[in-house]
């Protein structure tokens, strides 16, 4: 079983993503599928935290990034050295990721 924890920012991100999709497409079913894919990705990287990649262009922090395969607009940002693995944020690619990560150090 893969163990991970969500920071308050990550929880808020997932809620915001779900709310946006459910409101935009008027489809809770679609929002639920994306939300489940996010949780599945978190569990996947928790199994082997080095699966993701670093992004020195976005942050100097020791964070790794995993883009969802089925929903490539979304990226899970996590700290691989923590136990349980800590998911820092779940971000849409059009957001200013550098600014968000700097603000939430």
N, C-alpha and C. Protein backbone atom coordinates (compact mmCIF):
# COMPACT_ATOMS: atom_id res chain seq x y z
N UNK A 1 0.83 -1.18 0.00
CA UNK A 1 0.00 0.00 0.00
C UNK A 1 0.88 1.25 0.00
N UNK A 2 0.58 2.17 -0.87
CA UNK A 2 1.35 3.41 -0.98
C UNK A 2 0.82 4.43 0.00
N UNK A 3 1.74 5.02 0.75
CA UNK A 3 1.35 5.98 1.76
C UNK A 3 1.86 7.36 1.36
N UNK A 4 0.98 8.33 1.43
CA UNK A 4 1.35 9.71 1.15
C UNK A 4 0.46 10.62 1.98
N UNK A 5 0.92 11.86 2.13
CA UNK A 5 0.10 12.86 2.81
C UNK A 5 -0.01 14.08 1.91
N UNK A 6 -1.09 14.81 2.09
CA UNK A 6 -1.34 16.01 1.31
C UNK A 6 -1.16 17.23 2.19
N UNK A 7 -0.43 18.22 1.71
CA UNK A 7 -0.34 19.48 2.44
C UNK A 7 -1.68 20.21 2.31
N UNK A 8 -1.92 21.21 3.13
CA UNK A 8 -3.14 22.00 2.97
C UNK A 8 -3.26 22.59 1.56
N UNK A 9 -2.12 23.01 0.96
CA UNK A 9 -2.16 23.54 -0.39
C UNK A 9 -2.63 22.46 -1.38
N UNK A 10 -2.09 21.25 -1.27
CA UNK A 10 -2.48 20.17 -2.17
C UNK A 10 -3.96 19.84 -2.02
N UNK A 11 -4.45 19.79 -0.79
CA UNK A 11 -5.88 19.54 -0.57
C UNK A 11 -6.72 20.62 -1.22
N UNK A 12 -6.30 21.86 -1.06
CA UNK A 12 -7.02 22.98 -1.66
C UNK A 12 -6.96 22.90 -3.19
N UNK A 13 -5.81 22.55 -3.72
CA UNK A 13 -5.67 22.41 -5.18
C UNK A 13 -6.64 21.37 -5.72
N UNK A 14 -6.71 20.21 -5.07
CA UNK A 14 -7.58 19.13 -5.53
C UNK A 14 -9.05 19.57 -5.46
N UNK A 15 -9.42 20.24 -4.38
CA UNK A 15 -10.79 20.75 -4.26
C UNK A 15 -11.09 21.75 -5.36
N UNK A 16 -10.15 22.66 -5.61
CA UNK A 16 -10.35 23.69 -6.64
C UNK A 16 -10.46 23.06 -8.03
N UNK A 17 -9.63 22.07 -8.30
CA UNK A 17 -9.67 21.38 -9.60
C UNK A 17 -11.03 20.70 -9.77
N UNK A 18 -11.46 19.99 -8.75
CA UNK A 18 -12.75 19.30 -8.81
C UNK A 18 -13.88 20.31 -9.03
N UNK A 19 -13.88 21.38 -8.27
CA UNK A 19 -14.93 22.40 -8.36
C UNK A 19 -14.96 23.05 -9.74
N UNK A 20 -13.79 23.35 -10.27
CA UNK A 20 -13.71 23.98 -11.59
C UNK A 20 -14.28 23.06 -12.67
N UNK A 21 -13.85 21.81 -12.65
CA UNK A 21 -14.31 20.86 -13.67
C UNK A 21 -15.80 20.60 -13.53
N UNK A 22 -16.27 20.40 -12.32
CA UNK A 22 -17.69 20.13 -12.10
C UNK A 22 -18.54 21.32 -12.51
N UNK A 23 -18.05 22.52 -12.23
CA UNK A 23 -18.82 23.72 -12.58
C UNK A 23 -18.73 24.05 -14.05
N UNK A 24 -17.54 23.86 -14.65
CA UNK A 24 -17.33 24.21 -16.05
C UNK A 24 -18.06 23.26 -16.98
N UNK A 25 -17.95 22.00 -16.74
CA UNK A 25 -18.55 21.02 -17.64
C UNK A 25 -19.90 20.54 -17.12
N UNK A 26 -20.28 21.04 -15.95
CA UNK A 26 -21.53 20.62 -15.30
C UNK A 26 -21.57 19.10 -15.17
N UNK A 27 -20.39 18.54 -14.89
CA UNK A 27 -20.29 17.09 -14.80
C UNK A 27 -19.48 16.67 -13.59
N UNK A 28 -20.16 16.27 -12.56
CA UNK A 28 -19.46 15.76 -11.38
C UNK A 28 -18.74 14.46 -11.71
N UNK A 29 -19.28 13.71 -12.67
CA UNK A 29 -18.65 12.45 -13.05
C UNK A 29 -17.25 12.69 -13.63
N UNK A 30 -17.13 13.68 -14.49
CA UNK A 30 -15.82 14.03 -15.05
C UNK A 30 -14.88 14.51 -13.95
N UNK A 31 -15.39 15.37 -13.08
CA UNK A 31 -14.58 15.88 -11.96
C UNK A 31 -14.11 14.73 -11.07
N UNK A 32 -14.99 13.76 -10.83
CA UNK A 32 -14.62 12.61 -10.00
C UNK A 32 -13.53 11.77 -10.67
N UNK A 33 -13.58 11.62 -11.99
CA UNK A 33 -12.54 10.85 -12.70
C UNK A 33 -11.19 11.54 -12.60
N UNK A 34 -11.17 12.86 -12.78
CA UNK A 34 -9.90 13.59 -12.67
C UNK A 34 -9.38 13.51 -11.25
N UNK A 35 -10.25 13.70 -10.27
CA UNK A 35 -9.84 13.62 -8.87
C UNK A 35 -9.25 12.25 -8.56
N UNK A 36 -9.89 11.19 -9.03
CA UNK A 36 -9.37 9.84 -8.78
C UNK A 36 -8.02 9.64 -9.45
N UNK A 37 -7.85 10.19 -10.65
CA UNK A 37 -6.57 10.09 -11.35
C UNK A 37 -5.47 10.79 -10.56
N UNK A 38 -5.80 11.90 -9.91
CA UNK A 38 -4.82 12.61 -9.08
C UNK A 38 -4.42 11.74 -7.89
N UNK A 39 -5.41 11.17 -7.21
CA UNK A 39 -5.09 10.31 -6.06
C UNK A 39 -4.30 9.07 -6.50
N UNK A 40 -4.64 8.53 -7.67
CA UNK A 40 -3.90 7.38 -8.20
C UNK A 40 -2.45 7.75 -8.49
N UNK A 41 -2.23 8.95 -9.04
CA UNK A 41 -0.87 9.41 -9.32
C UNK A 41 -0.08 9.60 -8.03
N UNK A 42 -0.73 10.12 -7.00
CA UNK A 42 -0.06 10.29 -5.70
C UNK A 42 0.39 8.94 -5.15
N UNK A 43 -0.49 7.95 -5.24
CA UNK A 43 -0.15 6.60 -4.76
C UNK A 43 0.97 6.00 -5.61
N UNK A 44 0.92 6.24 -6.91
CA UNK A 44 1.93 5.71 -7.83
C UNK A 44 3.32 6.24 -7.49
N UNK A 45 3.45 7.55 -7.29
CA UNK A 45 4.77 8.09 -6.97
C UNK A 45 5.19 7.73 -5.55
N UNK A 46 4.23 7.51 -4.66
CA UNK A 46 4.57 7.10 -3.30
C UNK A 46 5.23 5.71 -3.28
N UNK A 47 4.87 4.87 -4.25
CA UNK A 47 5.47 3.54 -4.35
C UNK A 47 6.95 3.61 -4.68
N UNK A 48 7.33 4.58 -5.50
CA UNK A 48 8.73 4.75 -5.93
C UNK A 48 8.94 6.25 -6.16
N UNK A 49 9.29 6.97 -5.11
CA UNK A 49 9.34 8.44 -5.19
C UNK A 49 10.27 9.04 -6.23
N UNK A 50 11.22 8.29 -6.74
CA UNK A 50 12.12 8.85 -7.74
C UNK A 50 11.55 8.76 -9.15
N UNK A 51 10.32 8.29 -9.29
CA UNK A 51 9.68 8.20 -10.61
C UNK A 51 9.53 9.57 -11.26
N UNK A 52 9.28 10.56 -10.48
CA UNK A 52 9.11 11.91 -11.02
C UNK A 52 10.43 12.51 -11.44
N UNK A 53 10.38 13.74 -11.88
CA UNK A 53 11.60 14.41 -12.30
C UNK A 53 11.72 15.76 -11.59
N UNK A 54 12.93 16.26 -11.53
CA UNK A 54 13.16 17.57 -10.92
C UNK A 54 12.91 18.64 -11.97
N UNK A 55 12.71 19.86 -11.49
CA UNK A 55 12.50 21.01 -12.40
C UNK A 55 13.28 22.19 -11.85
N UNK A 56 14.58 22.22 -12.12
CA UNK A 56 15.42 23.31 -11.62
C UNK A 56 15.03 24.65 -12.23
N UNK A 57 14.30 24.63 -13.34
CA UNK A 57 13.82 25.87 -13.94
C UNK A 57 12.66 26.48 -13.14
N UNK A 58 12.03 25.67 -12.27
CA UNK A 58 10.89 26.15 -11.48
C UNK A 58 11.21 26.37 -10.01
N UNK A 59 12.12 25.57 -9.47
CA UNK A 59 12.43 25.69 -8.05
C UNK A 59 13.78 25.06 -7.74
N UNK A 60 14.45 25.60 -6.74
CA UNK A 60 15.70 25.01 -6.28
C UNK A 60 15.43 24.02 -5.14
N UNK A 61 14.20 23.95 -4.70
CA UNK A 61 13.84 23.01 -3.63
C UNK A 61 13.92 21.57 -4.14
N UNK A 62 14.14 20.61 -3.25
CA UNK A 62 14.28 19.21 -3.66
C UNK A 62 12.91 18.56 -3.93
N UNK A 63 12.18 19.14 -4.87
CA UNK A 63 10.85 18.64 -5.21
C UNK A 63 10.92 17.85 -6.50
N UNK A 64 9.97 16.94 -6.66
CA UNK A 64 9.86 16.18 -7.90
C UNK A 64 8.46 16.41 -8.46
N UNK A 65 8.34 16.20 -9.76
CA UNK A 65 7.11 16.50 -10.48
C UNK A 65 6.66 15.26 -11.26
N UNK A 66 5.38 14.98 -11.20
CA UNK A 66 4.81 13.88 -11.96
C UNK A 66 3.57 14.39 -12.68
N UNK A 67 3.59 14.31 -14.00
CA UNK A 67 2.45 14.74 -14.81
C UNK A 67 1.52 13.56 -15.02
N UNK A 68 0.25 13.80 -14.81
CA UNK A 68 -0.74 12.74 -14.97
C UNK A 68 -0.79 12.30 -16.43
N UNK A 69 -0.76 11.02 -16.66
CA UNK A 69 -0.75 10.48 -18.01
C UNK A 69 -2.05 10.78 -18.74
N UNK A 70 -3.15 10.49 -18.09
CA UNK A 70 -4.46 10.66 -18.75
C UNK A 70 -4.89 12.12 -18.81
N UNK A 71 -4.44 12.93 -17.87
CA UNK A 71 -4.80 14.34 -17.81
C UNK A 71 -3.51 15.16 -17.72
N UNK A 72 -2.81 15.31 -18.84
CA UNK A 72 -1.47 15.91 -18.80
C UNK A 72 -1.42 17.39 -18.44
N UNK A 73 -2.56 18.03 -18.26
CA UNK A 73 -2.55 19.42 -17.80
C UNK A 73 -2.23 19.51 -16.31
N UNK A 74 -2.31 18.40 -15.60
CA UNK A 74 -2.14 18.40 -14.15
C UNK A 74 -0.85 17.72 -13.74
N UNK A 75 -0.18 18.34 -12.77
CA UNK A 75 1.10 17.83 -12.28
C UNK A 75 1.06 17.73 -10.76
N UNK A 76 1.51 16.60 -10.25
CA UNK A 76 1.65 16.39 -8.81
C UNK A 76 3.08 16.82 -8.44
N UNK A 77 3.18 17.69 -7.46
CA UNK A 77 4.48 18.17 -6.97
C UNK A 77 4.67 17.57 -5.58
N UNK A 78 5.81 16.92 -5.35
CA UNK A 78 5.98 16.21 -4.08
C UNK A 78 7.42 16.22 -3.60
N UNK A 79 7.55 15.90 -2.31
CA UNK A 79 8.86 15.81 -1.66
C UNK A 79 9.21 14.33 -1.52
N UNK A 80 10.15 13.82 -2.31
CA UNK A 80 10.43 12.39 -2.32
C UNK A 80 11.12 11.87 -1.07
N UNK A 81 11.76 12.75 -0.29
CA UNK A 81 12.53 12.30 0.86
C UNK A 81 11.69 12.10 2.11
N UNK A 82 10.44 12.49 2.08
CA UNK A 82 9.61 12.41 3.27
C UNK A 82 8.96 11.03 3.41
N UNK A 83 8.64 10.71 4.63
CA UNK A 83 7.93 9.47 4.91
C UNK A 83 6.84 9.76 5.92
N UNK A 84 5.59 9.68 5.52
CA UNK A 84 5.13 9.32 4.18
C UNK A 84 5.45 10.40 3.17
N UNK A 85 5.40 10.03 1.91
CA UNK A 85 5.66 10.98 0.84
C UNK A 85 4.69 12.16 0.98
N UNK A 86 5.23 13.38 0.88
CA UNK A 86 4.40 14.57 1.04
C UNK A 86 4.11 15.19 -0.32
N UNK A 87 2.82 15.23 -0.65
CA UNK A 87 2.38 15.91 -1.87
C UNK A 87 2.21 17.38 -1.51
N UNK A 88 3.02 18.21 -2.15
CA UNK A 88 3.06 19.64 -1.84
C UNK A 88 1.95 20.39 -2.56
N UNK A 89 1.70 20.04 -3.82
CA UNK A 89 0.71 20.76 -4.62
C UNK A 89 0.28 19.88 -5.80
N UNK A 90 -0.88 20.21 -6.34
CA UNK A 90 -1.36 19.60 -7.58
C UNK A 90 -1.76 20.78 -8.46
N UNK A 91 -1.02 20.97 -9.55
CA UNK A 91 -1.16 22.21 -10.30
C UNK A 91 -1.49 22.00 -11.77
N UNK A 92 -2.27 22.91 -12.30
CA UNK A 92 -2.55 22.95 -13.73
C UNK A 92 -1.37 23.61 -14.41
N UNK A 93 -0.99 23.12 -15.56
CA UNK A 93 0.18 23.62 -16.26
C UNK A 93 0.12 25.08 -16.67
N UNK A 94 -1.06 25.66 -16.76
CA UNK A 94 -1.18 27.07 -17.15
C UNK A 94 -0.99 28.03 -15.97
N UNK A 95 -0.91 27.49 -14.77
CA UNK A 95 -0.70 28.35 -13.61
C UNK A 95 0.77 28.72 -13.51
N UNK A 96 1.06 29.75 -12.76
CA UNK A 96 2.44 30.20 -12.56
C UNK A 96 3.06 29.34 -11.45
N UNK A 97 3.56 28.18 -11.85
CA UNK A 97 4.06 27.19 -10.90
C UNK A 97 5.22 27.74 -10.09
N UNK A 98 6.12 28.44 -10.73
CA UNK A 98 7.28 29.00 -10.02
C UNK A 98 6.81 29.91 -8.88
N UNK A 99 5.88 30.79 -9.16
CA UNK A 99 5.39 31.74 -8.15
C UNK A 99 4.66 31.00 -7.03
N UNK A 100 3.85 30.03 -7.38
CA UNK A 100 3.11 29.27 -6.37
C UNK A 100 4.06 28.53 -5.43
N UNK A 101 5.08 27.88 -5.99
CA UNK A 101 6.02 27.13 -5.16
C UNK A 101 6.87 28.06 -4.30
N UNK A 102 7.23 29.20 -4.84
CA UNK A 102 8.02 30.16 -4.05
C UNK A 102 7.21 30.71 -2.89
N UNK A 103 5.95 30.99 -3.14
CA UNK A 103 5.07 31.54 -2.11
C UNK A 103 4.77 30.51 -1.01
N UNK A 104 4.80 29.24 -1.35
CA UNK A 104 4.42 28.18 -0.40
C UNK A 104 5.61 27.34 0.03
N UNK A 105 6.70 27.99 0.36
CA UNK A 105 7.88 27.24 0.81
C UNK A 105 7.66 26.79 2.17
